[in-house]
PDB file of N, CA and C in Angstrom:
ATOM      1  N   MET A   1      38.512 -15.747  96.752  1.00  0.00           N
ATOM      2  CA  MET A   1      37.648 -14.949  95.908  1.00  0.00           C
ATOM      3  C   MET A   1      37.468 -15.670  94.576  1.00  0.00           C
ATOM      4  N   PRO A   2      36.238 -15.933  94.173  1.00  0.00           N
ATOM      5  CA  PRO A   2      36.010 -16.572  92.876  1.00  0.00           C
ATOM      6  C   PRO A   2      36.539 -15.702  91.727  1.00  0.00           C
ATOM      7  N   ASP A   3      37.279 -16.313  90.828  1.00  0.00           N
ATOM      8  CA  ASP A   3      37.888 -15.573  89.712  1.00  0.00           C
ATOM      9  C   ASP A   3      36.861 -14.822  88.880  1.00  0.00           C
ATOM     10  N   GLU A   4      35.661 -15.375  88.739  1.00  0.00           N
ATOM     11  CA  GLU A   4      34.663 -14.736  87.878  1.00  0.00           C
ATOM     12  C   GLU A   4      34.145 -13.409  88.450  1.00  0.00           C
ATOM     13  N   LEU A   5      34.353 -13.154  89.728  1.00  0.00           N
ATOM     14  CA  LEU A   5      33.922 -11.898  90.337  1.00  0.00           C
ATOM     15  C   LEU A   5      34.938 -10.776  90.143  1.00  0.00           C
ATOM     16  N   ARG A   6      36.166 -11.138  89.907  1.00  0.00           N
ATOM     17  CA  ARG A   6      37.250 -10.150  89.884  1.00  0.00           C
ATOM     18  C   ARG A   6      37.089  -9.035  88.854  1.00  0.00           C
ATOM     19  N   PRO A   7      36.717  -9.309  87.596  1.00  0.00           N
ATOM     20  CA  PRO A   7      36.610  -8.202  86.635  1.00  0.00           C
ATOM     21  C   PRO A   7      35.598  -7.130  87.047  1.00  0.00           C
ATOM     22  N   ALA A   8      34.433  -7.537  87.531  1.00  0.00           N
ATOM     23  CA  ALA A   8      33.421  -6.554  87.930  1.00  0.00           C
ATOM     24  C   ALA A   8      33.886  -5.758  89.143  1.00  0.00           C
ATOM     25  N   ILE A   9      34.505  -6.432  90.102  1.00  0.00           N
ATOM     26  CA  ILE A   9      35.009  -5.744  91.289  1.00  0.00           C
ATOM     27  C   ILE A   9      36.126  -4.778  90.903  1.00  0.00           C
ATOM     28  N   ALA A  10      37.045  -5.220  90.073  1.00  0.00           N
ATOM     29  CA  ALA A  10      38.154  -4.361  89.635  1.00  0.00           C
ATOM     30  C   ALA A  10      37.639  -3.124  88.916  1.00  0.00           C
ATOM     31  N   LYS A  11      36.617  -3.288  88.092  1.00  0.00           N
ATOM     32  CA  LYS A  11      36.033  -2.147  87.367  1.00  0.00           C
ATOM     33  C   LYS A  11      35.452  -1.129  88.341  1.00  0.00           C
ATOM     34  N   GLU A  12      34.679  -1.592  89.321  1.00  0.00           N
ATOM     35  CA  GLU A  12      34.087  -0.688  90.307  1.00  0.00           C
ATOM     36  C   GLU A  12      35.160  -0.002  91.150  1.00  0.00           C
ATOM     37  N   LEU A  13      36.184  -0.738  91.538  1.00  0.00           N
ATOM     38  CA  LEU A  13      37.251  -0.134  92.335  1.00  0.00           C
ATOM     39  C   LEU A  13      38.010   0.915  91.535  1.00  0.00           C
ATOM     40  N   THR A  14      38.220   0.669  90.251  1.00  0.00           N
ATOM     41  CA  THR A  14      38.871   1.672  89.401  1.00  0.00           C
ATOM     42  C   THR A  14      38.027   2.928  89.324  1.00  0.00           C
ATOM     43  N   GLU A  15      36.722   2.768  89.164  1.00  0.00           N
ATOM     44  CA  GLU A  15      35.835   3.937  89.118  1.00  0.00           C
ATOM     45  C   GLU A  15      35.849   4.684  90.450  1.00  0.00           C
ATOM     46  N   LEU A  16      35.933   3.956  91.560  1.00  0.00           N
ATOM     47  CA  LEU A  16      36.023   4.589  92.873  1.00  0.00           C
ATOM     48  C   LEU A  16      37.308   5.401  92.986  1.00  0.00           C
ATOM     49  N   VAL A  17      38.433   4.791  92.639  1.00  0.00           N
ATOM     50  CA  VAL A  17      39.735   5.456  92.723  1.00  0.00           C
ATOM     51  C   VAL A  17      39.771   6.703  91.836  1.00  0.00           C
ATOM     52  N   GLU A  18      39.138   6.621  90.675  1.00  0.00           N
ATOM     53  CA  GLU A  18      39.145   7.742  89.731  1.00  0.00           C
ATOM     54  C   GLU A  18      38.070   8.784  90.035  1.00  0.00           C
ATOM     55  N   GLY A  19      37.284   8.570  91.088  1.00  0.00           N
ATOM     56  CA  GLY A  19      36.273   9.545  91.483  1.00  0.00           C
ATOM     57  C   GLY A  19      35.046   9.568  90.601  1.00  0.00           C
ATOM     58  N   ARG A  20      34.749   8.469  89.910  1.00  0.00           N
ATOM     59  CA  ARG A  20      33.607   8.430  88.992  1.00  0.00           C
ATOM     60  C   ARG A  20      32.353   7.817  89.611  1.00  0.00           C
ATOM     61  N   LEU A  21      32.371   7.543  90.903  1.00  0.00           N
ATOM     62  CA  LEU A  21      31.196   7.017  91.593  1.00  0.00           C
ATOM     63  C   LEU A  21      30.595   8.128  92.447  1.00  0.00           C
ATOM     64  N   PRO A  22      29.384   7.935  92.966  1.00  0.00           N
ATOM     65  CA  PRO A  22      28.756   9.001  93.758  1.00  0.00           C
ATOM     66  C   PRO A  22      29.653   9.528  94.875  1.00  0.00           C
ATOM     67  N   GLU A  23      29.620  10.821  95.042  1.00  0.00           N
ATOM     68  CA  GLU A  23      30.468  11.525  96.007  1.00  0.00           C
ATOM     69  C   GLU A  23      30.324  10.984  97.430  1.00  0.00           C
ATOM     70  N   GLN A  24      29.116  10.546  97.814  1.00  0.00           N
ATOM     71  CA  GLN A  24      28.918  10.073  99.182  1.00  0.00           C
ATOM     72  C   GLN A  24      29.767   8.854  99.498  1.00  0.00           C
ATOM     73  N   LEU A  25      30.197   8.098  98.478  1.00  0.00           N
ATOM     74  CA  LEU A  25      31.073   6.953  98.734  1.00  0.00           C
ATOM     75  C   LEU A  25      32.459   7.386  99.192  1.00  0.00           C
ATOM     76  N   LEU A  26      32.823   8.626  98.921  1.00  0.00           N
ATOM     77  CA  LEU A  26      34.158   9.113  99.273  1.00  0.00           C
ATOM     78  C   LEU A  26      34.190   9.878 100.599  1.00  0.00           C
ATOM     79  N   LEU A  27      33.067   9.939 101.308  1.00  0.00           N
ATOM     80  CA  LEU A  27      33.010  10.677 102.569  1.00  0.00           C
ATOM     81  C   LEU A  27      34.110  10.246 103.534  1.00  0.00           C
ATOM     82  N   TRP A  28      34.231   8.935 103.806  1.00  0.00           N
ATOM     83  CA  TRP A  28      35.229   8.472 104.769  1.00  0.00           C
ATOM     84  C   TRP A  28      36.647   8.581 104.217  1.00  0.00           C
ATOM     85  N   VAL A  29      36.797   8.549 102.909  1.00  0.00           N
ATOM     86  CA  VAL A  29      38.121   8.745 102.304  1.00  0.00           C
ATOM     87  C   VAL A  29      38.584  10.172 102.588  1.00  0.00           C
ATOM     88  N   ARG A  30      37.680  11.125 102.423  1.00  0.00           N
ATOM     89  CA  ARG A  30      38.019  12.535 102.667  1.00  0.00           C
ATOM     90  C   ARG A  30      38.218  12.833 104.158  1.00  0.00           C
ATOM     91  N   GLU A  31      37.550  12.080 105.025  1.00  0.00           N
ATOM     92  CA  GLU A  31      37.644  12.296 106.468  1.00  0.00           C
ATOM     93  C   GLU A  31      38.768  11.476 107.118  1.00  0.00           C
ATOM     94  N   TYR A  32      39.389  10.595 106.364  1.00  0.00           N
ATOM     95  CA  TYR A  32      40.391   9.674 106.900  1.00  0.00           C
ATOM     96  C   TYR A  32      41.647  10.414 107.332  1.00  0.00           C
ATOM     97  N   SER A  33      42.119  10.163 108.489  1.00  0.00           N
ATOM     98  CA  SER A  33      43.278  10.794 109.127  1.00  0.00           C
ATOM     99  C   SER A  33      43.146  12.320 109.073  1.00  0.00           C
ATOM    100  N   GLU A  34      44.238  13.035 109.164  1.00  0.00           N
ATOM    101  CA  GLU A  34      44.154  14.494 109.277  1.00  0.00           C
ATOM    102  C   GLU A  34      43.760  15.194 107.988  1.00  0.00           C
ATOM    103  N   GLY A  35      44.319  14.794 106.876  1.00  0.00           N
ATOM    104  CA  GLY A  35      44.052  15.505 105.629  1.00  0.00           C
ATOM    105  C   GLY A  35      43.290  14.695 104.605  1.00  0.00           C
ATOM    106  N   GLY A  36      42.685  13.614 105.029  1.00  0.00           N
ATOM    107  CA  GLY A  36      42.006  12.747 104.081  1.00  0.00           C
ATOM    108  C   GLY A  36      43.005  11.778 103.462  1.00  0.00           C
ATOM    109  N   ALA A  37      42.511  10.917 102.627  1.00  0.00           N
ATOM    110  CA  ALA A  37      43.357   9.911 101.984  1.00  0.00           C
ATOM    111  C   ALA A  37      43.237  10.044 100.469  1.00  0.00           C
ATOM    112  N   THR A  38      44.244   9.545  99.788  1.00  0.00           N
ATOM    113  CA  THR A  38      44.228   9.472  98.335  1.00  0.00           C
ATOM    114  C   THR A  38      44.246   8.002  97.956  1.00  0.00           C
ATOM    115  N   LEU A  39      43.151   7.542  97.347  1.00  0.00           N
ATOM    116  CA  LEU A  39      43.105   6.156  96.889  1.00  0.00           C
ATOM    117  C   LEU A  39      44.042   5.977  95.705  1.00  0.00           C
ATOM    118  N   VAL A  40      44.638   4.819  95.616  1.00  0.00           N
ATOM    119  CA  VAL A  40      45.524   4.491  94.506  1.00  0.00           C
ATOM    120  C   VAL A  40      44.965   3.254  93.793  1.00  0.00           C
ATOM    121  N   PRO A  41      45.421   2.976  92.562  1.00  0.00           N
ATOM    122  CA  PRO A  41      44.969   1.736  91.916  1.00  0.00           C
ATOM    123  C   PRO A  41      45.216   0.549  92.843  1.00  0.00           C
ATOM    124  N   GLN A  42      44.216  -0.282  92.942  1.00  0.00           N
ATOM    125  CA  GLN A  42      44.285  -1.401  93.878  1.00  0.00           C
ATOM    126  C   GLN A  42      45.155  -2.516  93.300  1.00  0.00           C
ATOM    127  N   PRO A  43      46.094  -3.032  94.112  1.00  0.00           N
ATOM    128  CA  PRO A  43      47.033  -4.040  93.617  1.00  0.00           C
ATOM    129  C   PRO A  43      46.419  -5.438  93.573  1.00  0.00           C
ATOM    130  N   GLU A  44      47.134  -6.358  92.963  1.00  0.00           N
ATOM    131  CA  GLU A  44      46.699  -7.757  92.877  1.00  0.00           C
ATOM    132  C   GLU A  44      46.528  -8.384  94.258  1.00  0.00           C
ATOM    133  N   GLU A  45      47.259  -7.888  95.249  1.00  0.00           N
ATOM    134  CA  GLU A  45      47.168  -8.437  96.602  1.00  0.00           C
ATOM    135  C   GLU A  45      45.761  -8.343  97.180  1.00  0.00           C
ATOM    136  N   ILE A  46      44.951  -7.478  96.614  1.00  0.00           N
ATOM    137  CA  ILE A  46      43.591  -7.300  97.121  1.00  0.00           C
ATOM    138  C   ILE A  46      42.797  -8.608  97.089  1.00  0.00           C
ATOM    139  N   TRP A  47      43.085  -9.469  96.095  1.00  0.00           N
ATOM    140  CA  TRP A  47      42.299 -10.699  95.925  1.00  0.00           C
ATOM    141  C   TRP A  47      42.591 -11.735  97.006  1.00  0.00           C
ATOM    142  N   SER A  48      43.781 -11.690  97.579  1.00  0.00           N
ATOM    143  CA  SER A  48      44.147 -12.707  98.568  1.00  0.00           C
ATOM    144  C   SER A  48      44.453 -12.124  99.950  1.00  0.00           C
ATOM    145  N   HIS A  49      44.213 -10.841 100.125  1.00  0.00           N
ATOM    146  CA  HIS A  49      44.516 -10.206 101.403  1.00  0.00           C
ATOM    147  C   HIS A  49      43.657 -10.823 102.514  1.00  0.00           C
ATOM    148  N   PRO A  50      44.221 -10.992 103.723  1.00  0.00           N
ATOM    149  CA  PRO A  50      43.462 -11.591 104.828  1.00  0.00           C
ATOM    150  C   PRO A  50      42.178 -10.831 105.189  1.00  0.00           C
ATOM    151  N   ARG A  51      42.121  -9.525 104.905  1.00  0.00           N
ATOM    152  CA  ARG A  51      40.914  -8.753 105.230  1.00  0.00           C
ATOM    153  C   ARG A  51      39.891  -8.768 104.098  1.00  0.00           C
ATOM    154  N   THR A  52      40.208  -9.387 102.972  1.00  0.00           N
ATOM    155  CA  THR A  52      39.221  -9.542 101.905  1.00  0.00           C
ATOM    156  C   THR A  52      38.250 -10.630 102.328  1.00  0.00           C
ATOM    157  N   ASP A  53      36.963 -10.313 102.235  1.00  0.00           N
ATOM    158  CA  ASP A  53      35.930 -11.245 102.689  1.00  0.00           C
ATOM    159  C   ASP A  53      34.866 -11.376 101.602  1.00  0.00           C
ATOM    160  N   VAL A  54      34.590 -12.592 101.195  1.00  0.00           N
ATOM    161  CA  VAL A  54      33.568 -12.881 100.183  1.00  0.00           C
ATOM    162  C   VAL A  54      32.589 -13.871 100.788  1.00  0.00           C
ATOM    163  N   ARG A  55      31.327 -13.481 100.791  1.00  0.00           N
ATOM    164  CA  ARG A  55      30.290 -14.371 101.332  1.00  0.00           C
ATOM    165  C   ARG A  55      29.198 -14.580 100.300  1.00  0.00           C
ATOM    166  N   LYS A  56      28.929 -15.836 100.008  1.00  0.00           N
ATOM    167  CA  LYS A  56      27.826 -16.164  99.118  1.00  0.00           C
ATOM    168  C   LYS A  56      26.535 -16.035  99.908  1.00  0.00           C
ATOM    169  N   LEU A  57      25.572 -15.323  99.338  1.00  0.00           N
ATOM    170  CA  LEU A  57      24.303 -15.097 100.005  1.00  0.00           C
ATOM    171  C   LEU A  57      23.295 -16.171  99.638  1.00  0.00           C
ATOM    172  N   ASP A  58      22.334 -16.394 100.498  1.00  0.00           N
ATOM    173  CA  ASP A  58      21.283 -17.374 100.227  1.00  0.00           C
ATOM    174  C   ASP A  58      20.505 -17.024  98.959  1.00  0.00           C
ATOM    175  N   THR A  59      20.492 -15.744  98.610  1.00  0.00           N
ATOM    176  CA  THR A  59      19.774 -15.284  97.414  1.00  0.00           C
ATOM    177  C   THR A  59      20.538 -15.587  96.124  1.00  0.00           C
ATOM    178  N   GLY A  60      21.773 -16.049  96.270  1.00  0.00           N
ATOM    179  CA  GLY A  60      22.575 -16.380  95.093  1.00  0.00           C
ATOM    180  C   GLY A  60      23.635 -15.356  94.762  1.00  0.00           C
ATOM    181  N   GLY A  61      23.567 -14.173  95.340  1.00  0.00           N
ATOM    182  CA  GLY A  61      24.572 -13.154  95.091  1.00  0.00           C
ATOM    183  C   GLY A  61      25.727 -13.257  96.078  1.00  0.00           C
ATOM    184  N   TYR A  62      26.503 -12.208  96.138  1.00  0.00           N
ATOM    185  CA  TYR A  62      27.663 -12.177  97.044  1.00  0.00           C
ATOM    186  C   TYR A  62      27.718 -10.849  97.774  1.00  0.00           C
ATOM    187  N   LEU A  63      28.256 -10.891  98.980  1.00  0.00           N
ATOM    188  CA  LEU A  63      28.650  -9.709  99.726  1.00  0.00           C
ATOM    189  C   LEU A  63      30.174  -9.757  99.778  1.00  0.00           C
ATOM    190  N   VAL A  64      30.809  -8.679  99.344  1.00  0.00           N
ATOM    191  CA  VAL A  64      32.268  -8.634  99.261  1.00  0.00           C
ATOM    192  C   VAL A  64      32.767  -7.400 100.013  1.00  0.00           C
ATOM    193  N   VAL A  65      33.794  -7.592 100.837  1.00  0.00           N
ATOM    194  CA  VAL A  65      34.465  -6.479 101.511  1.00  0.00           C
ATOM    195  C   VAL A  65      35.948  -6.596 101.193  1.00  0.00           C
ATOM    196  N   VAL A  66      36.527  -5.492 100.717  1.00  0.00           N
ATOM    197  CA  VAL A  66      37.957  -5.485 100.396  1.00  0.00           C
ATOM    198  C   VAL A  66      38.622  -4.279 101.057  1.00  0.00           C
ATOM    199  N   PRO A  67      39.850  -4.452 101.546  1.00  0.00           N
ATOM    200  CA  PRO A  67      40.594  -3.312 102.068  1.00  0.00           C
ATOM    201  C   PRO A  67      41.018  -2.423 100.902  1.00  0.00           C
ATOM    202  N   LEU A  68      41.210  -1.146 101.195  1.00  0.00           N
ATOM    203  CA  LEU A  68      41.613  -0.198 100.157  1.00  0.00           C
ATOM    204  C   LEU A  68      43.023   0.324 100.403  1.00  0.00           C
ATOM    205  N   TRP A  69      43.800   0.367  99.344  1.00  0.00           N
ATOM    206  CA  TRP A  69      45.151   0.916  99.409  1.00  0.00           C
ATOM    207  C   TRP A  69      45.064   2.418  99.154  1.00  0.00           C
ATOM    208  N   THR A  70      45.918   3.161  99.872  1.00  0.00           N
ATOM    209  CA  THR A  70      46.004   4.609  99.677  1.00  0.00           C
ATOM    210  C   THR A  70      47.453   4.977  99.389  1.00  0.00           C
ATOM    211  N   ALA A  71      47.676   6.233  99.087  1.00  0.00           N
ATOM    212  CA  ALA A  71      49.035   6.697  98.806  1.00  0.00           C
ATOM    213  C   ALA A  71      49.952   6.521 100.015  1.00  0.00           C
ATOM    214  N   ASP A  72      49.374   6.498 101.222  1.00  0.00           N
ATOM    215  CA  ASP A  72      50.172   6.412 102.445  1.00  0.00           C
ATOM    216  C   ASP A  72      50.159   5.057 103.130  1.00  0.00           C
ATOM    217  N   GLU A  73      49.170   4.196 102.828  1.00  0.00           N
ATOM    218  CA  GLU A  73      49.041   2.932 103.539  1.00  0.00           C
ATOM    219  C   GLU A  73      48.704   1.788 102.590  1.00  0.00           C
ATOM    220  N   SER A  74      49.311   0.637 102.861  1.00  0.00           N
ATOM    221  CA  SER A  74      49.155  -0.529 101.992  1.00  0.00           C
ATOM    222  C   SER A  74      48.802  -1.778 102.773  1.00  0.00           C
ATOM    223  N   PRO A  75      47.571  -2.080 103.062  1.00  0.00           N
ATOM    224  CA  PRO A  75      46.376  -1.272 102.833  1.00  0.00           C
ATOM    225  C   PRO A  75      46.101  -0.343 104.010  1.00  0.00           C
ATOM    226  N   SER A  76      45.113   0.503 103.818  1.00  0.00           N
ATOM    227  CA  SER A  76      44.677   1.409 104.881  1.00  0.00           C
ATOM    228  C   SER A  76      43.610   0.716 105.727  1.00  0.00           C
ATOM    229  N   ASP A  77      43.042   1.454 106.659  1.00  0.00           N
ATOM    230  CA  ASP A  77      41.923   0.942 107.441  1.00  0.00           C
ATOM    231  C   ASP A  77      40.589   1.171 106.727  1.00  0.00           C
ATOM    232  N   LEU A  78      40.638   1.737 105.539  1.00  0.00           N
ATOM    233  CA  LEU A  78      39.433   1.913 104.728  1.00  0.00           C
ATOM    234  C   LEU A  78      39.089   0.607 104.029  1.00  0.00           C
ATOM    235  N   SER A  79      37.803   0.369 103.850  1.00  0.00           N
ATOM    236  CA  SER A  79      37.379  -0.805 103.097  1.00  0.00           C
ATOM    237  C   SER A  79      36.171  -0.445 102.246  1.00  0.00           C
ATOM    238  N   ALA A  80      35.986  -1.193 101.178  1.00  0.00           N
ATOM    239  CA  ALA A  80      34.821  -1.041 100.310  1.00  0.00           C
ATOM    240  C   ALA A  80      33.945  -2.270 100.478  1.00  0.00           C
ATOM    241  N   GLU A  81      32.646  -2.027 100.671  1.00  0.00           N
ATOM    242  CA  GLU A  81      31.691  -3.118 100.793  1.00  0.00           C
ATOM    243  C   GLU A  81      30.789  -3.084  99.565  1.00  0.00           C
ATOM    244  N   MET A  82      30.643  -4.226  98.917  1.00  0.00           N
ATOM    245  CA  MET A  82      29.849  -4.267  97.694  1.00  0.00           C
ATOM    246  C   MET A  82      28.959  -5.488  97.643  1.00  0.00           C
ATOM    247  N   MET A  83      27.905  -5.364  96.883  1.00  0.00           N
ATOM    248  CA  MET A  83      26.963  -6.455  96.664  1.00  0.00           C
ATOM    249  C   MET A  83      27.025  -6.838  95.191  1.00  0.00           C
ATOM    250  N   ILE A  84      26.969  -8.138  94.947  1.00  0.00           N
ATOM    251  CA  ILE A  84      26.899  -8.647  93.584  1.00  0.00           C
ATOM    252  C   ILE A  84      25.625  -9.480  93.511  1.00  0.00           C
ATOM    253  N   SER A  85      24.738  -9.099  92.602  1.00  0.00           N
ATOM    254  CA  SER A  85      23.462  -9.796  92.480  1.00  0.00           C
ATOM    255  C   SER A  85      23.673 -11.162  91.836  1.00  0.00           C
ATOM    256  N   PRO A  86      22.675 -12.046  91.922  1.00  0.00           N
ATOM    257  CA  PRO A  86      22.790 -13.353  91.263  1.00  0.00           C
ATOM    258  C   PRO A  86      23.010 -13.215  89.747  1.00  0.00           C
ATOM    259  N   GLU A  87      22.532 -12.106  89.171  1.00  0.00           N
ATOM    260  CA  GLU A  87      22.708 -11.870  87.735  1.00  0.00           C
ATOM    261  C   GLU A  87      24.078 -11.278  87.401  1.00  0.00           C
ATOM    262  N   GLY A  88      24.854 -10.926  88.425  1.00  0.00           N
ATOM    263  CA  GLY A  88      26.192 -10.390  88.203  1.00  0.00           C
ATOM    264  C   GLY A  88      26.294  -8.880  88.279  1.00  0.00           C
ATOM    265  N   THR A  89      25.178  -8.191  88.548  1.00  0.00           N
ATOM    266  CA  THR A  89      25.221  -6.740  88.707  1.00  0.00           C
ATOM    267  C   THR A  89      25.932  -6.427  90.011  1.00  0.00           C
ATOM    268  N   MET A  90      26.839  -5.467  89.953  1.00  0.00           N
ATOM    269  CA  MET A  90      27.676  -5.182  91.098  1.00  0.00           C
ATOM    270  C   MET A  90      27.652  -3.707  91.424  1.00  0.00           C
ATOM    271  N   ALA A  91      27.642  -3.380  92.709  1.00  0.00           N
ATOM    272  CA  ALA A  91      27.690  -1.980  93.141  1.00  0.00           C
ATOM    273  C   ALA A  91      28.369  -1.896  94.492  1.00  0.00           C
ATOM    274  N   ILE A  92      29.178  -0.846  94.656  1.00  0.00           N
ATOM    275  CA  ILE A  92      29.771  -0.569  95.955  1.00  0.00           C
ATOM    276  C   ILE A  92      28.685   0.088  96.800  1.00  0.00           C
ATOM    277  N   ASN A  93      28.380  -0.494  97.945  1.00  0.00           N
ATOM    278  CA  ASN A  93      27.361   0.058  98.852  1.00  0.00           C
ATOM    279  C   ASN A  93      27.918   1.152  99.724  1.00  0.00           C
ATOM    280  N   THR A  94      29.145   0.919 100.220  1.00  0.00           N
ATOM    281  CA  THR A  94      29.722   1.886 101.149  1.00  0.00           C
ATOM    282  C   THR A  94      31.240   1.735 101.176  1.00  0.00           C
ATOM    283  N   VAL A  95      31.882   2.816 101.545  1.00  0.00           N
ATOM    284  CA  VAL A  95      33.304   2.812 101.875  1.00  0.00           C
ATOM    285  C   VAL A  95      33.352   3.267 103.316  1.00  0.00           C
ATOM    286  N   ARG A  96      34.047   2.508 104.148  1.00  0.00           N
ATOM    287  CA  ARG A  96      34.037   2.806 105.572  1.00  0.00           C
ATOM    288  C   ARG A  96      35.410   2.532 106.172  1.00  0.00           C
ATOM    289  N   ILE A  97      35.560   2.975 107.409  1.00  0.00           N
ATOM    290  CA  ILE A  97      36.772   2.684 108.169  1.00  0.00           C
ATOM    291  C   ILE A  97      36.497   1.446 108.980  1.00  0.00           C
ATOM    292  N   LEU A  98      37.429   0.504 108.960  1.00  0.00           N
ATOM    293  CA  LEU A  98      37.255  -0.742 109.726  1.00  0.00           C
ATOM    294  C   LEU A  98      37.285  -0.485 111.202  1.00  0.00           C
TER     295      LEU A  98
END
């Protein structure tokens, strides 16, 4: 993972964990296992985890998928998929179960 992407990704993940992003992003978190999942602050391991995937796009941006840690699993089967534009604008597109 390129170091320059980490601050923007970390900011978005913090907002996700704190529930400050659109509710529809949390659909699979709430549906995960029997009682839903509780996201926790994402650890440093997220940057080097084998399921972290960073792809540079032909358009100059990036597609990034990272596993998500929960109160019960480190990491869980949940992942966040995000796009980073060539200008550096970043947004989580979806949270899904792998």
